[in-house]
Amino acid sequence: MFDNHMFQAEKAATNVRVDSVDKNEGSEEAVGLMNHQHVLLFVFLIGVVTGLRSLTGPAVTSWAAHLGWLSLIGTPMHFMASIITVTIFTLLAVVELVADQLPSTPARTAPVGLSARVVMGGLCGATVGVAGGESIALGIVVGILGAIVGTYGGYFARTRSVKALGVPDVVIAVIEDIVAVGGGLLALSRF
């Protein structure tokens, strides 16, 4: 059995930063971690962002992991922190933000758009959940719920805002883009 005290002494003596943390309840490293409800709130919020823009959620989540806001070392979701993942999701998110402004883009509530949001909401939920010490399954479920809320909430807010304000759809779409990107970064920077 590995002696934790010897490890701590060695870590202090070498002054080396150790990125993996023992998140088991009661461990010294678990002190100061978010509680269960806070983690699930952040999982839900990134799901909502993914519901607004299907690829913004994964782009923001991968950036958060890459920048060290989310600790994924030693988890199955560690690939989300790689520069390759960040690059792919960032490029796809930019394409989505441009494509969303086109009149030919189908509604997010159509089967293809909704399916993409559900899958990506689950991916983001699993990533944020695991970073907070929750199970992958719980992260997936809560991320999907957030994505569904974000999909329909964003759809109804956008369509009703366009009608109520009498402005072109692109105006509300750009505001929604800002909310999705800014809200996702703000939430995960606080994780």
C-alpha atoms as a PDB file:
ATOM      1  CA  MET A   1       0.000   0.000   0.000  1.00  0.00           C
ATOM      2  CA  PHE A   2       1.272   3.433  -0.921  1.00  0.00           C
ATOM      3  CA  ASP A   3       2.049   5.602   2.081  1.00  0.00           C
ATOM      4  CA  ASN A   4       0.249   8.934   1.588  1.00  0.00           C
ATOM      5  CA  HIS A   5       2.401  10.720   4.175  1.00  0.00           C
ATOM      6  CA  MET A   6       5.611   9.714   2.414  1.00  0.00           C
ATOM      7  CA  PHE A   7       4.090  10.918  -0.874  1.00  0.00           C
ATOM      8  CA  GLN A   8       3.161  14.302   0.663  1.00  0.00           C
ATOM      9  CA  ALA A   9       6.668  14.696   2.133  1.00  0.00           C
ATOM     10  CA  GLU A  10       8.270  13.813  -1.197  1.00  0.00           C
ATOM     11  CA  LYS A  11       5.969  16.211  -3.025  1.00  0.00           C
ATOM     12  CA  ALA A  12       6.852  19.022  -0.593  1.00  0.00           C
ATOM     13  CA  ALA A  13      10.591  18.247  -0.781  1.00  0.00           C
ATOM     14  CA  THR A  14      10.687  18.305  -4.578  1.00  0.00           C
ATOM     15  CA  ASN A  15       8.229  21.214  -4.839  1.00  0.00           C
ATOM     16  CA  VAL A  16       6.602  19.480  -7.813  1.00  0.00           C
ATOM     17  CA  ARG A  17       2.988  20.219  -8.624  1.00  0.00           C
ATOM     18  CA  VAL A  18       0.863  17.105  -8.740  1.00  0.00           C
ATOM     19  CA  ASP A  19      -2.168  17.473 -11.008  1.00  0.00           C
ATOM     20  CA  SER A  20      -4.137  14.456  -9.903  1.00  0.00           C
ATOM     21  CA  VAL A  21      -6.107  14.836  -6.722  1.00  0.00           C
ATOM     22  CA  ASP A  22      -7.575  12.242  -4.413  1.00  0.00           C
ATOM     23  CA  LYS A  23     -11.219  13.293  -4.444  1.00  0.00           C
ATOM     24  CA  ASN A  24     -12.385  10.564  -2.100  1.00  0.00           C
ATOM     25  CA  GLU A  25     -14.600  11.864   0.664  1.00  0.00           C
ATOM     26  CA  GLY A  26     -12.600  12.528   3.790  1.00  0.00           C
ATOM     27  CA  SER A  27      -9.213  12.758   2.082  1.00  0.00           C
ATOM     28  CA  GLU A  28      -7.039  15.803   2.716  1.00  0.00           C
ATOM     29  CA  GLU A  29      -7.167  16.713  -0.959  1.00  0.00           C
ATOM     30  CA  ALA A  30     -10.982  16.683  -0.995  1.00  0.00           C
ATOM     31  CA  VAL A  31     -11.151  19.645   1.373  1.00  0.00           C
ATOM     32  CA  GLY A  32     -12.406  22.655  -0.555  1.00  0.00           C
ATOM     33  CA  LEU A  33     -13.905  20.690  -3.443  1.00  0.00           C
ATOM     34  CA  MET A  34     -17.398  21.634  -4.557  1.00  0.00           C
ATOM     35  CA  ASN A  35     -20.279  19.830  -3.022  1.00  0.00           C
ATOM     36  CA  HIS A  36     -22.555  17.521  -4.958  1.00  0.00           C
ATOM     37  CA  GLN A  37     -25.229  20.149  -5.688  1.00  0.00           C
ATOM     38  CA  HIS A  38     -22.736  22.699  -7.009  1.00  0.00           C
ATOM     39  CA  VAL A  39     -21.148  20.178  -9.347  1.00  0.00           C
ATOM     40  CA  LEU A  40     -24.553  19.153 -10.696  1.00  0.00           C
ATOM     41  CA  LEU A  41     -25.476  22.830 -11.165  1.00  0.00           C
ATOM     42  CA  PHE A  42     -22.381  23.377 -13.315  1.00  0.00           C
ATOM     43  CA  VAL A  43     -23.106  20.170 -15.248  1.00  0.00           C
ATOM     44  CA  PHE A  44     -26.651  21.388 -15.881  1.00  0.00           C
ATOM     45  CA  LEU A  45     -25.429  24.850 -16.932  1.00  0.00           C
ATOM     46  CA  ILE A  46     -22.973  23.487 -19.485  1.00  0.00           C
ATOM     47  CA  GLY A  47     -25.827  21.323 -20.751  1.00  0.00           C
ATOM     48  CA  VAL A  48     -27.964  24.454 -21.186  1.00  0.00           C
ATOM     49  CA  VAL A  49     -25.126  26.128 -23.118  1.00  0.00           C
ATOM     50  CA  THR A  50     -24.944  23.043 -25.333  1.00  0.00           C
ATOM     51  CA  GLY A  51     -28.686  23.276 -25.886  1.00  0.00           C
ATOM     52  CA  LEU A  52     -28.266  26.848 -27.104  1.00  0.00           C
ATOM     53  CA  ARG A  53     -25.352  25.969 -29.410  1.00  0.00           C
ATOM     54  CA  SER A  54     -24.567  22.277 -29.875  1.00  0.00           C
ATOM     55  CA  LEU A  55     -20.833  22.757 -30.405  1.00  0.00           C
ATOM     56  CA  THR A  56     -20.208  25.745 -28.157  1.00  0.00           C
ATOM     57  CA  GLY A  57     -20.645  23.580 -25.055  1.00  0.00           C
ATOM     58  CA  PRO A  58     -17.975  21.071 -26.098  1.00  0.00           C
ATOM     59  CA  ALA A  59     -15.637  23.872 -27.254  1.00  0.00           C
ATOM     60  CA  VAL A  60     -15.965  25.720 -23.940  1.00  0.00           C
ATOM     61  CA  THR A  61     -15.626  22.478 -21.958  1.00  0.00           C
ATOM     62  CA  SER A  62     -12.508  21.396 -23.835  1.00  0.00           C
ATOM     63  CA  TRP A  63     -10.965  24.849 -23.386  1.00  0.00           C
ATOM     64  CA  ALA A  64     -11.759  24.725 -19.661  1.00  0.00           C
ATOM     65  CA  ALA A  65     -10.059  21.337 -19.418  1.00  0.00           C
ATOM     66  CA  HIS A  66      -7.080  22.470 -21.491  1.00  0.00           C
ATOM     67  CA  LEU A  67      -6.615  25.593 -19.362  1.00  0.00           C
ATOM     68  CA  GLY A  68      -6.751  23.529 -16.175  1.00  0.00           C
ATOM     69  CA  TRP A  69     -10.099  24.838 -14.942  1.00  0.00           C
ATOM     70  CA  LEU A  70     -11.317  21.235 -15.015  1.00  0.00           C
ATOM     71  CA  SER A  71      -9.026  18.535 -13.662  1.00  0.00           C
ATOM     72  CA  LEU A  72      -9.389  15.449 -15.838  1.00  0.00           C
ATOM     73  CA  ILE A  73      -6.039  13.770 -15.127  1.00  0.00           C
ATOM     74  CA  GLY A  74      -6.531  10.036 -14.697  1.00  0.00           C
ATOM     75  CA  THR A  75     -10.158  10.092 -15.884  1.00  0.00           C
ATOM     76  CA  PRO A  76     -11.683   8.633 -19.038  1.00  0.00           C
ATOM     77  CA  MET A  77     -12.536  12.194 -20.107  1.00  0.00           C
ATOM     78  CA  HIS A  78      -8.891  13.358 -20.168  1.00  0.00           C
ATOM     79  CA  PHE A  79      -8.957  13.498 -23.983  1.00  0.00           C
ATOM     80  CA  MET A  80     -11.144  16.616 -23.694  1.00  0.00           C
ATOM     81  CA  ALA A  81      -8.074  18.567 -22.484  1.00  0.00           C
ATOM     82  CA  SER A  82      -5.927  17.773 -25.528  1.00  0.00           C
ATOM     83  CA  ILE A  83      -5.068  20.535 -27.979  1.00  0.00           C
ATOM     84  CA  ILE A  84      -6.448  18.370 -30.804  1.00  0.00           C
ATOM     85  CA  THR A  85      -9.869  18.187 -29.122  1.00  0.00           C
ATOM     86  CA  VAL A  86      -9.795  21.917 -28.350  1.00  0.00           C
ATOM     87  CA  THR A  87      -8.929  22.739 -31.964  1.00  0.00           C
ATOM     88  CA  ILE A  88     -11.591  20.468 -33.473  1.00  0.00           C
ATOM     89  CA  PHE A  89     -14.402  21.662 -31.216  1.00  0.00           C
ATOM     90  CA  THR A  90     -13.375  25.321 -31.564  1.00  0.00           C
ATOM     91  CA  LEU A  91     -13.384  25.150 -35.366  1.00  0.00           C
ATOM     92  CA  LEU A  92     -16.713  23.312 -35.397  1.00  0.00           C
ATOM     93  CA  ALA A  93     -18.211  25.846 -32.974  1.00  0.00           C
ATOM     94  CA  VAL A  94     -17.136  28.763 -35.193  1.00  0.00           C
ATOM     95  CA  VAL A  95     -18.685  27.055 -38.229  1.00  0.00           C
ATOM     96  CA  GLU A  96     -21.883  26.491 -36.235  1.00  0.00           C
ATOM     97  CA  LEU A  97     -22.041  30.130 -35.127  1.00  0.00           C
ATOM     98  CA  VAL A  98     -21.789  31.252 -38.767  1.00  0.00           C
ATOM     99  CA  ALA A  99     -24.199  28.596 -40.083  1.00  0.00           C
ATOM    100  CA  ASP A 100     -26.784  29.516 -37.450  1.00  0.00           C
ATOM    101  CA  GLN A 101     -27.168  32.935 -39.086  1.00  0.00           C
ATOM    102  CA  LEU A 102     -28.249  31.379 -42.394  1.00  0.00           C
ATOM    103  CA  PRO A 103     -31.986  31.246 -43.133  1.00  0.00           C
ATOM    104  CA  SER A 104     -31.689  27.674 -44.429  1.00  0.00           C
ATOM    105  CA  THR A 105     -30.459  26.332 -41.068  1.00  0.00           C
ATOM    106  CA  PRO A 106     -33.077  23.953 -39.625  1.00  0.00           C
ATOM    107  CA  ALA A 107     -34.595  24.561 -36.203  1.00  0.00           C
ATOM    108  CA  ARG A 108     -32.629  23.254 -33.235  1.00  0.00           C
ATOM    109  CA  THR A 109     -35.729  21.294 -32.225  1.00  0.00           C
ATOM    110  CA  ALA A 110     -35.636  19.244 -35.455  1.00  0.00           C
ATOM    111  CA  PRO A 111     -34.481  15.641 -34.892  1.00  0.00           C
ATOM    112  CA  VAL A 112     -30.905  16.156 -36.170  1.00  0.00           C
ATOM    113  CA  GLY A 113     -30.299  19.346 -34.186  1.00  0.00           C
ATOM    114  CA  LEU A 114     -31.918  17.990 -31.035  1.00  0.00           C
ATOM    115  CA  SER A 115     -29.968  14.716 -31.291  1.00  0.00           C
ATOM    116  CA  ALA A 116     -26.667  16.587 -31.638  1.00  0.00           C
ATOM    117  CA  ARG A 117     -27.489  18.692 -28.590  1.00  0.00           C
ATOM    118  CA  VAL A 118     -28.423  15.634 -26.531  1.00  0.00           C
ATOM    119  CA  VAL A 119     -25.202  13.790 -27.454  1.00  0.00           C
ATOM    120  CA  MET A 120     -22.977  16.825 -26.907  1.00  0.00           C
ATOM    121  CA  GLY A 121     -24.816  17.711 -23.679  1.00  0.00           C
ATOM    122  CA  GLY A 122     -24.048  14.211 -22.419  1.00  0.00           C
ATOM    123  CA  LEU A 123     -20.374  14.549 -23.388  1.00  0.00           C
ATOM    124  CA  CYS A 124     -20.025  17.921 -21.660  1.00  0.00           C
ATOM    125  CA  GLY A 125     -21.989  16.733 -18.653  1.00  0.00           C
ATOM    126  CA  ALA A 126     -19.787  13.668 -18.266  1.00  0.00           C
ATOM    127  CA  THR A 127     -16.648  15.814 -18.536  1.00  0.00           C
ATOM    128  CA  VAL A 128     -17.691  18.445 -16.002  1.00  0.00           C
ATOM    129  CA  GLY A 129     -19.224  15.834 -13.707  1.00  0.00           C
ATOM    130  CA  VAL A 130     -16.078  13.696 -13.615  1.00  0.00           C
ATOM    131  CA  ALA A 131     -13.959  16.805 -12.980  1.00  0.00           C
ATOM    132  CA  GLY A 132     -16.159  17.467  -9.957  1.00  0.00           C
ATOM    133  CA  GLY A 133     -15.899  13.924  -8.633  1.00  0.00           C
ATOM    134  CA  GLU A 134     -19.280  12.684  -9.870  1.00  0.00           C
ATOM    135  CA  SER A 135     -19.929   9.569 -11.925  1.00  0.00           C
ATOM    136  CA  ILE A 136     -19.879   9.688 -15.704  1.00  0.00           C
ATOM    137  CA  ALA A 137     -23.445   8.341 -15.828  1.00  0.00           C
ATOM    138  CA  LEU A 138     -24.831  11.078 -13.574  1.00  0.00           C
ATOM    139  CA  GLY A 139     -22.952  13.715 -15.560  1.00  0.00           C
ATOM    140  CA  ILE A 140     -24.412  12.385 -18.806  1.00  0.00           C
ATOM    141  CA  VAL A 141     -27.976  12.399 -17.486  1.00  0.00           C
ATOM    142  CA  VAL A 142     -27.800  15.896 -15.978  1.00  0.00           C
ATOM    143  CA  GLY A 143     -25.947  17.240 -19.037  1.00  0.00           C
ATOM    144  CA  ILE A 144     -28.655  15.855 -21.328  1.00  0.00           C
ATOM    145  CA  LEU A 145     -31.397  17.385 -19.175  1.00  0.00           C
ATOM    146  CA  GLY A 146     -29.616  20.747 -19.354  1.00  0.00           C
ATOM    147  CA  ALA A 147     -29.248  20.414 -23.125  1.00  0.00           C
ATOM    148  CA  ILE A 148     -32.958  19.736 -23.557  1.00  0.00           C
ATOM    149  CA  VAL A 149     -33.857  22.735 -21.369  1.00  0.00           C
ATOM    150  CA  GLY A 150     -31.384  24.902 -23.286  1.00  0.00           C
ATOM    151  CA  THR A 151     -32.663  23.675 -26.654  1.00  0.00           C
ATOM    152  CA  TYR A 152     -36.331  24.401 -26.037  1.00  0.00           C
ATOM    153  CA  GLY A 153     -35.787  27.390 -23.746  1.00  0.00           C
ATOM    154  CA  GLY A 154     -33.449  29.001 -26.272  1.00  0.00           C
ATOM    155  CA  TYR A 155     -35.796  28.249 -29.163  1.00  0.00           C
ATOM    156  CA  PHE A 156     -38.833  29.776 -27.474  1.00  0.00           C
ATOM    157  CA  ALA A 157     -36.876  32.746 -26.101  1.00  0.00           C
ATOM    158  CA  ARG A 158     -35.418  33.494 -29.524  1.00  0.00           C
ATOM    159  CA  THR A 159     -38.616  33.146 -31.545  1.00  0.00           C
ATOM    160  CA  ARG A 160     -40.670  35.130 -29.036  1.00  0.00           C
ATOM    161  CA  SER A 161     -38.024  37.850 -28.708  1.00  0.00           C
ATOM    162  CA  VAL A 162     -37.907  38.332 -32.469  1.00  0.00           C
ATOM    163  CA  LYS A 163     -41.705  38.725 -32.593  1.00  0.00           C
ATOM    164  CA  ALA A 164     -41.996  40.887 -29.469  1.00  0.00           C
ATOM    165  CA  LEU A 165     -39.144  43.239 -30.345  1.00  0.00           C
ATOM    166  CA  GLY A 166     -39.773  43.314 -34.095  1.00  0.00           C
ATOM    167  CA  VAL A 167     -36.081  42.873 -34.845  1.00  0.00           C
ATOM    168  CA  PRO A 168     -34.433  40.627 -37.427  1.00  0.00           C
ATOM    169  CA  ASP A 169     -33.686  37.099 -36.229  1.00  0.00           C
ATOM    170  CA  VAL A 170     -29.949  37.681 -36.661  1.00  0.00           C
ATOM    171  CA  VAL A 171     -29.953  40.287 -33.869  1.00  0.00           C
ATOM    172  CA  ILE A 172     -31.348  37.840 -31.322  1.00  0.00           C
ATOM    173  CA  ALA A 173     -29.132  35.055 -32.726  1.00  0.00           C
ATOM    174  CA  VAL A 174     -25.992  37.114 -32.078  1.00  0.00           C
ATOM    175  CA  ILE A 175     -27.170  37.905 -28.547  1.00  0.00           C
ATOM    176  CA  GLU A 176     -27.779  34.191 -28.020  1.00  0.00           C
ATOM    177  CA  ASP A 177     -24.268  33.427 -29.316  1.00  0.00           C
ATOM    178  CA  ILE A 178     -22.794  35.859 -26.800  1.00  0.00           C
ATOM    179  CA  VAL A 179     -24.852  34.353 -23.970  1.00  0.00           C
ATOM    180  CA  ALA A 180     -23.797  30.807 -24.934  1.00  0.00           C
ATOM    181  CA  VAL A 181     -20.074  31.502 -25.274  1.00  0.00           C
ATOM    182  CA  GLY A 182     -19.841  34.005 -22.432  1.00  0.00           C
ATOM    183  CA  GLY A 183     -22.089  32.032 -20.098  1.00  0.00           C
ATOM    184  CA  GLY A 184     -20.208  28.808 -20.705  1.00  0.00           C
ATOM    185  CA  LEU A 185     -16.808  30.401 -20.106  1.00  0.00           C
ATOM    186  CA  LEU A 186     -18.033  32.285 -17.057  1.00  0.00           C
ATOM    187  CA  ALA A 187     -19.567  29.170 -15.502  1.00  0.00           C
ATOM    188  CA  LEU A 188     -16.590  26.890 -16.075  1.00  0.00           C
ATOM    189  CA  SER A 189     -14.045  29.515 -15.033  1.00  0.00           C
ATOM    190  CA  ARG A 190     -15.752  29.428 -11.638  1.00  0.00           C
ATOM    191  CA  PHE A 191     -15.577  25.622 -11.352  1.00  0.00           C
END
